[in-house]
Amino acid sequence: MYDPNPDDARRAQVPRAAAARPVQAIPVGRSATRHAPAETAPS
């Protein structure tokens, strides 16, 4: 179950659990948002 505010004992398990995922779909320690490429100004 998702817990948005885990206690310290559970928080220590998060990086290990994220690393165990085969797809690495859980971002840990970095922003989950992706930056879109900069648009070029029309000529």
C-alpha atoms as a PDB file:
ATOM      1  CA  MET A   1       0.000   0.000   0.000  1.00  0.00           C
ATOM      2  CA  TYR A   2       1.252   3.495  -0.852  1.00  0.00           C
ATOM      3  CA  ASP A   3       2.328   5.580   2.125  1.00  0.00           C
ATOM      4  CA  PRO A   4       3.177   9.186   1.180  1.00  0.00           C
ATOM      5  CA  ASN A   5       4.909   9.777   4.532  1.00  0.00           C
ATOM      6  CA  PRO A   6       6.670   6.586   5.671  1.00  0.00           C
ATOM      7  CA  ASP A   7       8.438   6.372   9.007  1.00  0.00           C
ATOM      8  CA  ASP A   8      12.252   6.293   9.106  1.00  0.00           C
ATOM      9  CA  ALA A   9      12.469   2.486   9.168  1.00  0.00           C
ATOM     10  CA  ARG A  10      10.344   2.173   6.026  1.00  0.00           C
ATOM     11  CA  ARG A  11      12.051   5.148   4.345  1.00  0.00           C
ATOM     12  CA  ALA A  12      15.402   3.316   4.545  1.00  0.00           C
ATOM     13  CA  GLN A  13      13.907   0.432   2.520  1.00  0.00           C
ATOM     14  CA  VAL A  14      12.760   2.619  -0.387  1.00  0.00           C
ATOM     15  CA  PRO A  15      16.070   2.894  -2.323  1.00  0.00           C
ATOM     16  CA  ARG A  16      16.640  -0.854  -2.055  1.00  0.00           C
ATOM     17  CA  ALA A  17      13.125  -1.655  -3.221  1.00  0.00           C
ATOM     18  CA  ALA A  18      13.374   0.792  -6.122  1.00  0.00           C
ATOM     19  CA  ALA A  19      16.704  -0.696  -7.233  1.00  0.00           C
ATOM     20  CA  ALA A  20      15.193  -4.190  -7.196  1.00  0.00           C
ATOM     21  CA  ARG A  21      12.577  -3.255  -9.802  1.00  0.00           C
ATOM     22  CA  PRO A  22      13.593  -4.697 -13.193  1.00  0.00           C
ATOM     23  CA  VAL A  23      12.513  -1.643 -15.186  1.00  0.00           C
ATOM     24  CA  GLN A  24      13.823   1.012 -12.783  1.00  0.00           C
ATOM     25  CA  ALA A  25      10.517   2.850 -13.205  1.00  0.00           C
ATOM     26  CA  ILE A  26      10.597   4.307  -9.705  1.00  0.00           C
ATOM     27  CA  PRO A  27      12.727   7.475  -9.629  1.00  0.00           C
ATOM     28  CA  VAL A  28      14.478   7.991  -6.297  1.00  0.00           C
ATOM     29  CA  GLY A  29      16.472  11.061  -5.358  1.00  0.00           C
ATOM     30  CA  ARG A  30      15.751  12.974  -8.532  1.00  0.00           C
ATOM     31  CA  SER A  31      12.855  14.758 -10.147  1.00  0.00           C
ATOM     32  CA  ALA A  32      10.282  12.516 -11.784  1.00  0.00           C
ATOM     33  CA  THR A  33       9.450  15.162 -14.356  1.00  0.00           C
ATOM     34  CA  ARG A  34      11.100  15.172 -17.723  1.00  0.00           C
ATOM     35  CA  HIS A  35      12.084  18.381 -19.371  1.00  0.00           C
ATOM     36  CA  ALA A  36      10.789  18.963 -22.874  1.00  0.00           C
ATOM     37  CA  PRO A  37      13.351  20.021 -25.456  1.00  0.00           C
ATOM     38  CA  ALA A  38      13.620  23.757 -25.945  1.00  0.00           C
ATOM     39  CA  GLU A  39      11.497  25.069 -28.768  1.00  0.00           C
ATOM     40  CA  THR A  40      13.147  27.099 -31.470  1.00  0.00           C
ATOM     41  CA  ALA A  41      11.805  30.551 -32.290  1.00  0.00           C
ATOM     42  CA  PRO A  42      10.088  30.842 -35.670  1.00  0.00           C
ATOM     43  CA  SER A  43      12.200  32.533 -38.356  1.00  0.00           C
END
